[in-house]
Amino acid sequence: MLNIAGFYDRLVAFLDHVVEEQFLKQAHRDILIVNAEALLQAIRQAEMPTVPKWFSMDAV
Protein backbone atom coordinates (compact mmCIF):
# COMPACT_ATOMS: atom_id res chain seq x y z
CA MET A 1 0.00 0.00 0.00
CA LEU A 2 1.47 3.34 -0.96
CA ASN A 3 1.04 5.68 2.00
CA ILE A 4 1.01 9.05 0.24
CA ALA A 5 1.23 12.00 2.64
CA GLY A 6 0.49 9.71 5.59
CA PHE A 7 -3.03 8.92 4.37
CA TYR A 8 -2.93 5.40 5.86
CA ASP A 9 -1.08 6.29 9.08
CA ARG A 10 -4.14 5.65 11.24
CA LEU A 11 -4.80 2.29 9.58
CA VAL A 12 -1.17 1.27 10.11
CA ALA A 13 -1.33 2.38 13.75
CA PHE A 14 -4.55 0.41 14.22
CA LEU A 15 -2.99 -2.73 12.76
CA ASP A 16 0.04 -2.31 15.01
CA HIS A 17 -2.33 -2.01 17.97
CA VAL A 18 -4.18 -5.15 16.86
CA VAL A 19 -0.84 -7.00 16.85
CA GLU A 20 -0.06 -5.70 20.35
CA GLU A 21 -3.44 -6.99 21.54
CA GLN A 22 -2.66 -10.36 19.90
CA PHE A 23 -5.62 -10.34 17.52
CA LEU A 24 -3.23 -10.43 14.54
CA LYS A 25 0.12 -12.12 14.20
CA GLN A 26 3.14 -9.95 13.41
CA ALA A 27 3.93 -12.15 10.41
CA HIS A 28 0.56 -11.26 8.89
CA ARG A 29 0.98 -7.57 9.72
CA ASP A 30 4.35 -7.61 7.98
CA ILE A 31 2.66 -8.56 4.70
CA LEU A 32 1.36 -5.00 4.45
CA ILE A 33 4.18 -2.83 3.07
CA VAL A 34 3.73 0.91 3.59
CA ASN A 35 7.29 2.15 3.02
CA ALA A 36 7.60 3.41 -0.56
CA GLU A 37 11.13 2.09 -1.17
CA ALA A 38 10.32 -1.32 0.34
CA LEU A 39 7.15 -1.45 -1.74
CA LEU A 40 9.05 -0.73 -4.96
CA GLN A 41 11.65 -3.35 -4.08
CA ALA A 42 8.92 -5.92 -3.40
CA ILE A 43 7.28 -5.15 -6.74
CA ARG A 44 10.59 -5.51 -8.58
CA GLN A 45 11.28 -8.86 -6.91
CA ALA A 46 7.76 -10.26 -7.18
CA GLU A 47 7.24 -13.43 -9.16
CA MET A 48 3.87 -14.28 -10.58
CA PRO A 49 2.65 -17.74 -9.61
CA THR A 50 1.99 -20.24 -12.35
CA VAL A 51 -1.25 -22.10 -11.87
CA PRO A 52 -3.21 -24.40 -14.16
CA LYS A 53 -6.20 -23.00 -16.01
CA TRP A 54 -9.46 -23.37 -14.13
CA PHE A 55 -11.47 -23.72 -17.33
CA SER A 56 -10.84 -25.64 -20.50
CA MET A 57 -12.69 -25.30 -23.79
CA ASP A 58 -12.29 -29.08 -24.18
CA ALA A 59 -14.78 -29.60 -21.37
CA VAL A 60 -17.53 -27.67 -23.18
PDB file of N, CA and C in Angstrom:
ATOM      1  N   MET A   1       0.847  -1.150   0.000  1.00  0.00           N
ATOM      2  CA  MET A   1       0.000   0.000   0.000  1.00  0.00           C
ATOM      3  C   MET A   1       0.903   1.226   0.000  1.00  0.00           C
ATOM      4  N   LEU A   2       0.663   2.126  -0.892  1.00  0.00           N
ATOM      5  CA  LEU A   2       1.469   3.342  -0.964  1.00  0.00           C
ATOM      6  C   LEU A   2       0.833   4.403  -0.060  1.00  0.00           C
ATOM      7  N   ASN A   3       1.545   4.778   0.969  1.00  0.00           N
ATOM      8  CA  ASN A   3       1.035   5.680   1.999  1.00  0.00           C
ATOM      9  C   ASN A   3       1.402   7.125   1.668  1.00  0.00           C
ATOM     10  N   ILE A   4       0.734   7.681   0.678  1.00  0.00           N
ATOM     11  CA  ILE A   4       1.011   9.054   0.245  1.00  0.00           C
ATOM     12  C   ILE A   4       0.576  10.044   1.320  1.00  0.00           C
ATOM     13  N   ALA A   5       1.491  10.913   1.692  1.00  0.00           N
ATOM     14  CA  ALA A   5       1.235  12.002   2.645  1.00  0.00           C
ATOM     15  C   ALA A   5       0.636  11.487   3.953  1.00  0.00           C
ATOM     16  N   GLY A   6       0.971  10.245   4.327  1.00  0.00           N
ATOM     17  CA  GLY A   6       0.487   9.707   5.594  1.00  0.00           C
ATOM     18  C   GLY A   6      -0.988   9.354   5.616  1.00  0.00           C
ATOM     19  N   PHE A   7      -1.595   9.190   4.447  1.00  0.00           N
ATOM     20  CA  PHE A   7      -3.031   8.920   4.366  1.00  0.00           C
ATOM     21  C   PHE A   7      -3.429   7.692   5.187  1.00  0.00           C
ATOM     22  N   TYR A   8      -2.602   6.644   5.172  1.00  0.00           N
ATOM     23  CA  TYR A   8      -2.929   5.399   5.858  1.00  0.00           C
ATOM     24  C   TYR A   8      -2.280   5.274   7.244  1.00  0.00           C
ATOM     25  N   ASP A   9      -1.747   6.352   7.770  1.00  0.00           N
ATOM     26  CA  ASP A   9      -1.082   6.291   9.077  1.00  0.00           C
ATOM     27  C   ASP A   9      -1.983   5.720  10.168  1.00  0.00           C
ATOM     28  N   ARG A  10      -3.237   6.134  10.194  1.00  0.00           N
ATOM     29  CA  ARG A  10      -4.143   5.648  11.237  1.00  0.00           C
ATOM     30  C   ARG A  10      -4.444   4.155  11.060  1.00  0.00           C
ATOM     31  N   LEU A  11      -4.573   3.713   9.822  1.00  0.00           N
ATOM     32  CA  LEU A  11      -4.798   2.290   9.577  1.00  0.00           C
ATOM     33  C   LEU A  11      -3.596   1.476  10.025  1.00  0.00           C
ATOM     34  N   VAL A  12      -2.398   1.944   9.706  1.00  0.00           N
ATOM     35  CA  VAL A  12      -1.171   1.265  10.108  1.00  0.00           C
ATOM     36  C   VAL A  12      -1.064   1.229  11.633  1.00  0.00           C
ATOM     37  N   ALA A  13      -1.370   2.333  12.293  1.00  0.00           N
ATOM     38  CA  ALA A  13      -1.331   2.381  13.752  1.00  0.00           C
ATOM     39  C   ALA A  13      -2.348   1.415  14.349  1.00  0.00           C
ATOM     40  N   PHE A  14      -3.533   1.348  13.742  1.00  0.00           N
ATOM     41  CA  PHE A  14      -4.547   0.412  14.224  1.00  0.00           C
ATOM     42  C   PHE A  14      -4.062  -1.025  14.091  1.00  0.00           C
ATOM     43  N   LEU A  15      -3.479  -1.367  12.951  1.00  0.00           N
ATOM     44  CA  LEU A  15      -2.986  -2.733  12.760  1.00  0.00           C
ATOM     45  C   LEU A  15      -1.860  -3.056  13.730  1.00  0.00           C
ATOM     46  N   ASP A  16      -1.010  -2.090  14.010  1.00  0.00           N
ATOM     47  CA  ASP A  16       0.042  -2.307  15.005  1.00  0.00           C
ATOM     48  C   ASP A  16      -0.566  -2.550  16.386  1.00  0.00           C
ATOM     49  N   HIS A  17      -1.625  -1.815  16.709  1.00  0.00           N
ATOM     50  CA  HIS A  17      -2.328  -2.012  17.975  1.00  0.00           C
ATOM     51  C   HIS A  17      -2.966  -3.405  18.026  1.00  0.00           C
ATOM     52  N   VAL A  18      -3.555  -3.830  16.932  1.00  0.00           N
ATOM     53  CA  VAL A  18      -4.177  -5.150  16.855  1.00  0.00           C
ATOM     54  C   VAL A  18      -3.137  -6.242  17.108  1.00  0.00           C
ATOM     55  N   VAL A  19      -1.924  -6.051  16.586  1.00  0.00           N
ATOM     56  CA  VAL A  19      -0.838  -7.001  16.849  1.00  0.00           C
ATOM     57  C   VAL A  19      -0.484  -6.993  18.338  1.00  0.00           C
ATOM     58  N   GLU A  20      -0.379  -5.812  18.922  1.00  0.00           N
ATOM     59  CA  GLU A  20      -0.057  -5.700  20.352  1.00  0.00           C
ATOM     60  C   GLU A  20      -1.099  -6.409  21.215  1.00  0.00           C
ATOM     61  N   GLU A  21      -2.349  -6.353  20.787  1.00  0.00           N
ATOM     62  CA  GLU A  21      -3.436  -6.991  21.540  1.00  0.00           C
ATOM     63  C   GLU A  21      -3.596  -8.470  21.179  1.00  0.00           C
ATOM     64  N   GLN A  22      -2.731  -8.960  20.313  1.00  0.00           N
ATOM     65  CA  GLN A  22      -2.663 -10.362  19.900  1.00  0.00           C
ATOM     66  C   GLN A  22      -3.903 -10.851  19.153  1.00  0.00           C
ATOM     67  N   PHE A  23      -4.530  -9.943  18.402  1.00  0.00           N
ATOM     68  CA  PHE A  23      -5.621 -10.338  17.522  1.00  0.00           C
ATOM     69  C   PHE A  23      -5.118 -10.599  16.108  1.00  0.00           C
ATOM     70  N   LEU A  24      -3.868 -10.246  15.845  1.00  0.00           N
ATOM     71  CA  LEU A  24      -3.230 -10.426  14.544  1.00  0.00           C
ATOM     72  C   LEU A  24      -1.774 -10.779  14.787  1.00  0.00           C
ATOM     73  N   LYS A  25      -1.286 -11.735  14.039  1.00  0.00           N
ATOM     74  CA  LYS A  25       0.119 -12.115  14.196  1.00  0.00           C
ATOM     75  C   LYS A  25       1.010 -11.128  13.451  1.00  0.00           C
ATOM     76  N   GLN A  26       2.185 -10.888  14.015  1.00  0.00           N
ATOM     77  CA  GLN A  26       3.135  -9.951  13.410  1.00  0.00           C
ATOM     78  C   GLN A  26       3.485 -10.370  11.986  1.00  0.00           C
ATOM     79  N   ALA A  27       3.602 -11.665  11.758  1.00  0.00           N
ATOM     80  CA  ALA A  27       3.934 -12.152  10.415  1.00  0.00           C
ATOM     81  C   ALA A  27       2.882 -11.718   9.397  1.00  0.00           C
ATOM     82  N   HIS A  28       1.624 -11.695   9.807  1.00  0.00           N
ATOM     83  CA  HIS A  28       0.564 -11.259   8.895  1.00  0.00           C
ATOM     84  C   HIS A  28       0.576  -9.745   8.734  1.00  0.00           C
ATOM     85  N   ARG A  29       0.875  -9.031   9.807  1.00  0.00           N
ATOM     86  CA  ARG A  29       0.975  -7.565   9.723  1.00  0.00           C
ATOM     87  C   ARG A  29       2.108  -7.158   8.787  1.00  0.00           C
ATOM     88  N   ASP A  30       3.184  -7.938   8.795  1.00  0.00           N
ATOM     89  CA  ASP A  30       4.351  -7.614   7.976  1.00  0.00           C
ATOM     90  C   ASP A  30       4.090  -7.758   6.483  1.00  0.00           C
ATOM     91  N   ILE A  31       3.007  -8.429   6.122  1.00  0.00           N
ATOM     92  CA  ILE A  31       2.657  -8.563   4.702  1.00  0.00           C
ATOM     93  C   ILE A  31       2.322  -7.195   4.106  1.00  0.00           C
ATOM     94  N   LEU A  32       1.749  -6.333   4.905  1.00  0.00           N
ATOM     95  CA  LEU A  32       1.365  -5.002   4.446  1.00  0.00           C
ATOM     96  C   LEU A  32       2.595  -4.106   4.417  1.00  0.00           C
ATOM     97  N   ILE A  33       2.997  -3.688   3.240  1.00  0.00           N
ATOM     98  CA  ILE A  33       4.176  -2.830   3.066  1.00  0.00           C
ATOM     99  C   ILE A  33       3.691  -1.394   2.868  1.00  0.00           C
ATOM    100  N   VAL A  34       4.148  -0.489   3.707  1.00  0.00           N
ATOM    101  CA  VAL A  34       3.729   0.906   3.587  1.00  0.00           C
ATOM    102  C   VAL A  34       4.891   1.839   3.276  1.00  0.00           C
ATOM    103  N   ASN A  35       6.113   1.352   3.358  1.00  0.00           N
ATOM    104  CA  ASN A  35       7.288   2.146   3.023  1.00  0.00           C
ATOM    105  C   ASN A  35       7.468   2.141   1.504  1.00  0.00           C
ATOM    106  N   ALA A  36       7.570   3.304   0.891  1.00  0.00           N
ATOM    107  CA  ALA A  36       7.605   3.407  -0.562  1.00  0.00           C
ATOM    108  C   ALA A  36       8.777   2.631  -1.169  1.00  0.00           C
ATOM    109  N   GLU A  37       9.962   2.778  -0.613  1.00  0.00           N
ATOM    110  CA  GLU A  37      11.127   2.085  -1.173  1.00  0.00           C
ATOM    111  C   GLU A  37      10.989   0.571  -1.028  1.00  0.00           C
ATOM    112  N   ALA A  38      10.527   0.123   0.130  1.00  0.00           N
ATOM    113  CA  ALA A  38      10.325  -1.318   0.342  1.00  0.00           C
ATOM    114  C   ALA A  38       9.244  -1.850  -0.590  1.00  0.00           C
ATOM    115  N   LEU A  39       8.223  -1.048  -0.831  1.00  0.00           N
ATOM    116  CA  LEU A  39       7.151  -1.450  -1.744  1.00  0.00           C
ATOM    117  C   LEU A  39       7.681  -1.601  -3.163  1.00  0.00           C
ATOM    118  N   LEU A  40       8.472  -0.641  -3.615  1.00  0.00           N
ATOM    119  CA  LEU A  40       9.048  -0.730  -4.959  1.00  0.00           C
ATOM    120  C   LEU A  40       9.972  -1.933  -5.087  1.00  0.00           C
ATOM    121  N   GLN A  41      10.757  -2.192  -4.064  1.00  0.00           N
ATOM    122  CA  GLN A  41      11.648  -3.347  -4.079  1.00  0.00           C
ATOM    123  C   GLN A  41      10.845  -4.645  -4.144  1.00  0.00           C
ATOM    124  N   ALA A  42       9.766  -4.726  -3.380  1.00  0.00           N
ATOM    125  CA  ALA A  42       8.920  -5.925  -3.400  1.00  0.00           C
ATOM    126  C   ALA A  42       8.287  -6.131  -4.763  1.00  0.00           C
ATOM    127  N   ILE A  43       7.877  -5.051  -5.406  1.00  0.00           N
ATOM    128  CA  ILE A  43       7.278  -5.151  -6.743  1.00  0.00           C
ATOM    129  C   ILE A  43       8.324  -5.634  -7.741  1.00  0.00           C
ATOM    130  N   ARG A  44       9.522  -5.098  -7.655  1.00  0.00           N
ATOM    131  CA  ARG A  44      10.592  -5.509  -8.576  1.00  0.00           C
ATOM    132  C   ARG A  44      10.945  -6.988  -8.408  1.00  0.00           C
ATOM    133  N   GLN A  45      10.874  -7.494  -7.193  1.00  0.00           N
ATOM    134  CA  GLN A  45      11.281  -8.864  -6.914  1.00  0.00           C
ATOM    135  C   GLN A  45      10.127  -9.866  -6.992  1.00  0.00           C
ATOM    136  N   ALA A  46       8.926  -9.372  -7.176  1.00  0.00           N
ATOM    137  CA  ALA A  46       7.756 -10.259  -7.176  1.00  0.00           C
ATOM    138  C   ALA A  46       7.796 -11.213  -8.359  1.00  0.00           C
ATOM    139  N   GLU A  47       7.367 -12.428  -8.114  1.00  0.00           N
ATOM    140  CA  GLU A  47       7.243 -13.427  -9.164  1.00  0.00           C
ATOM    141  C   GLU A  47       5.789 -13.870  -9.222  1.00  0.00           C
ATOM    142  N   MET A  48       5.255 -13.866 -10.408  1.00  0.00           N
ATOM    143  CA  MET A  48       3.871 -14.280 -10.577  1.00  0.00           C
ATOM    144  C   MET A  48       3.780 -15.796 -10.468  1.00  0.00           C
ATOM    145  N   PRO A  49       2.798 -16.292  -9.730  1.00  0.00           N
ATOM    146  CA  PRO A  49       2.648 -17.741  -9.613  1.00  0.00           C
ATOM    147  C   PRO A  49       2.120 -18.335 -10.924  1.00  0.00           C
ATOM    148  N   THR A  50       2.533 -19.536 -11.193  1.00  0.00           N
ATOM    149  CA  THR A  50       1.994 -20.242 -12.347  1.00  0.00           C
ATOM    150  C   THR A  50       1.020 -21.281 -11.833  1.00  0.00           C
ATOM    151  N   VAL A  51      -0.200 -21.182 -12.303  1.00  0.00           N
ATOM    152  CA  VAL A  51      -1.250 -22.099 -11.872  1.00  0.00           C
ATOM    153  C   VAL A  51      -1.957 -22.646 -13.110  1.00  0.00           C
ATOM    154  N   PRO A  52      -2.501 -23.845 -13.015  1.00  0.00           N
ATOM    155  CA  PRO A  52      -3.210 -24.396 -14.165  1.00  0.00           C
ATOM    156  C   PRO A  52      -4.493 -23.617 -14.431  1.00  0.00           C
ATOM    157  N   LYS A  53      -4.952 -23.670 -15.653  1.00  0.00           N
ATOM    158  CA  LYS A  53      -6.201 -23.004 -16.007  1.00  0.00           C
ATOM    159  C   LYS A  53      -7.353 -23.641 -15.253  1.00  0.00           C
ATOM    160  N   TRP A  54      -8.294 -22.850 -14.859  1.00  0.00           N
ATOM    161  CA  TRP A  54      -9.457 -23.374 -14.128  1.00  0.00           C
ATOM    162  C   TRP A  54     -10.558 -23.782 -15.077  1.00  0.00           C
ATOM    163  N   PHE A  55     -10.415 -23.423 -16.352  1.00  0.00           N
ATOM    164  CA  PHE A  55     -11.466 -23.716 -17.329  1.00  0.00           C
ATOM    165  C   PHE A  55     -10.809 -24.166 -18.621  1.00  0.00           C
ATOM    166  N   SER A  56     -11.375 -25.164 -19.235  1.00  0.00           N
ATOM    167  CA  SER A  56     -10.838 -25.642 -20.499  1.00  0.00           C
ATOM    168  C   SER A  56     -11.970 -25.709 -21.515  1.00  0.00           C
ATOM    169  N   MET A  57     -11.691 -25.255 -22.730  1.00  0.00           N
ATOM    170  CA  MET A  57     -12.694 -25.300 -23.794  1.00  0.00           C
ATOM    171  C   MET A  57     -12.996 -26.752 -24.181  1.00  0.00           C
ATOM    172  N   ASP A  58     -12.074 -27.669 -23.876  1.00  0.00           N
ATOM    173  CA  ASP A  58     -12.290 -29.084 -24.184  1.00  0.00           C
ATOM    174  C   ASP A  58     -13.448 -29.664 -23.379  1.00  0.00           C
ATOM    175  N   ALA A  59     -13.725 -29.086 -22.240  1.00  0.00           N
ATOM    176  CA  ALA A  59     -14.775 -29.598 -21.365  1.00  0.00           C
ATOM    177  C   ALA A  59     -16.163 -29.162 -21.809  1.00  0.00           C
ATOM    178  N   VAL A  60     -16.240 -28.204 -22.740  1.00  0.00           N
ATOM    179  CA  VAL A  60     -17.530 -27.673 -23.182  1.00  0.00           C
ATOM    180  C   VAL A  60     -18.139 -28.532 -24.238  1.00  0.00           C
TER     181      VAL A  60
END
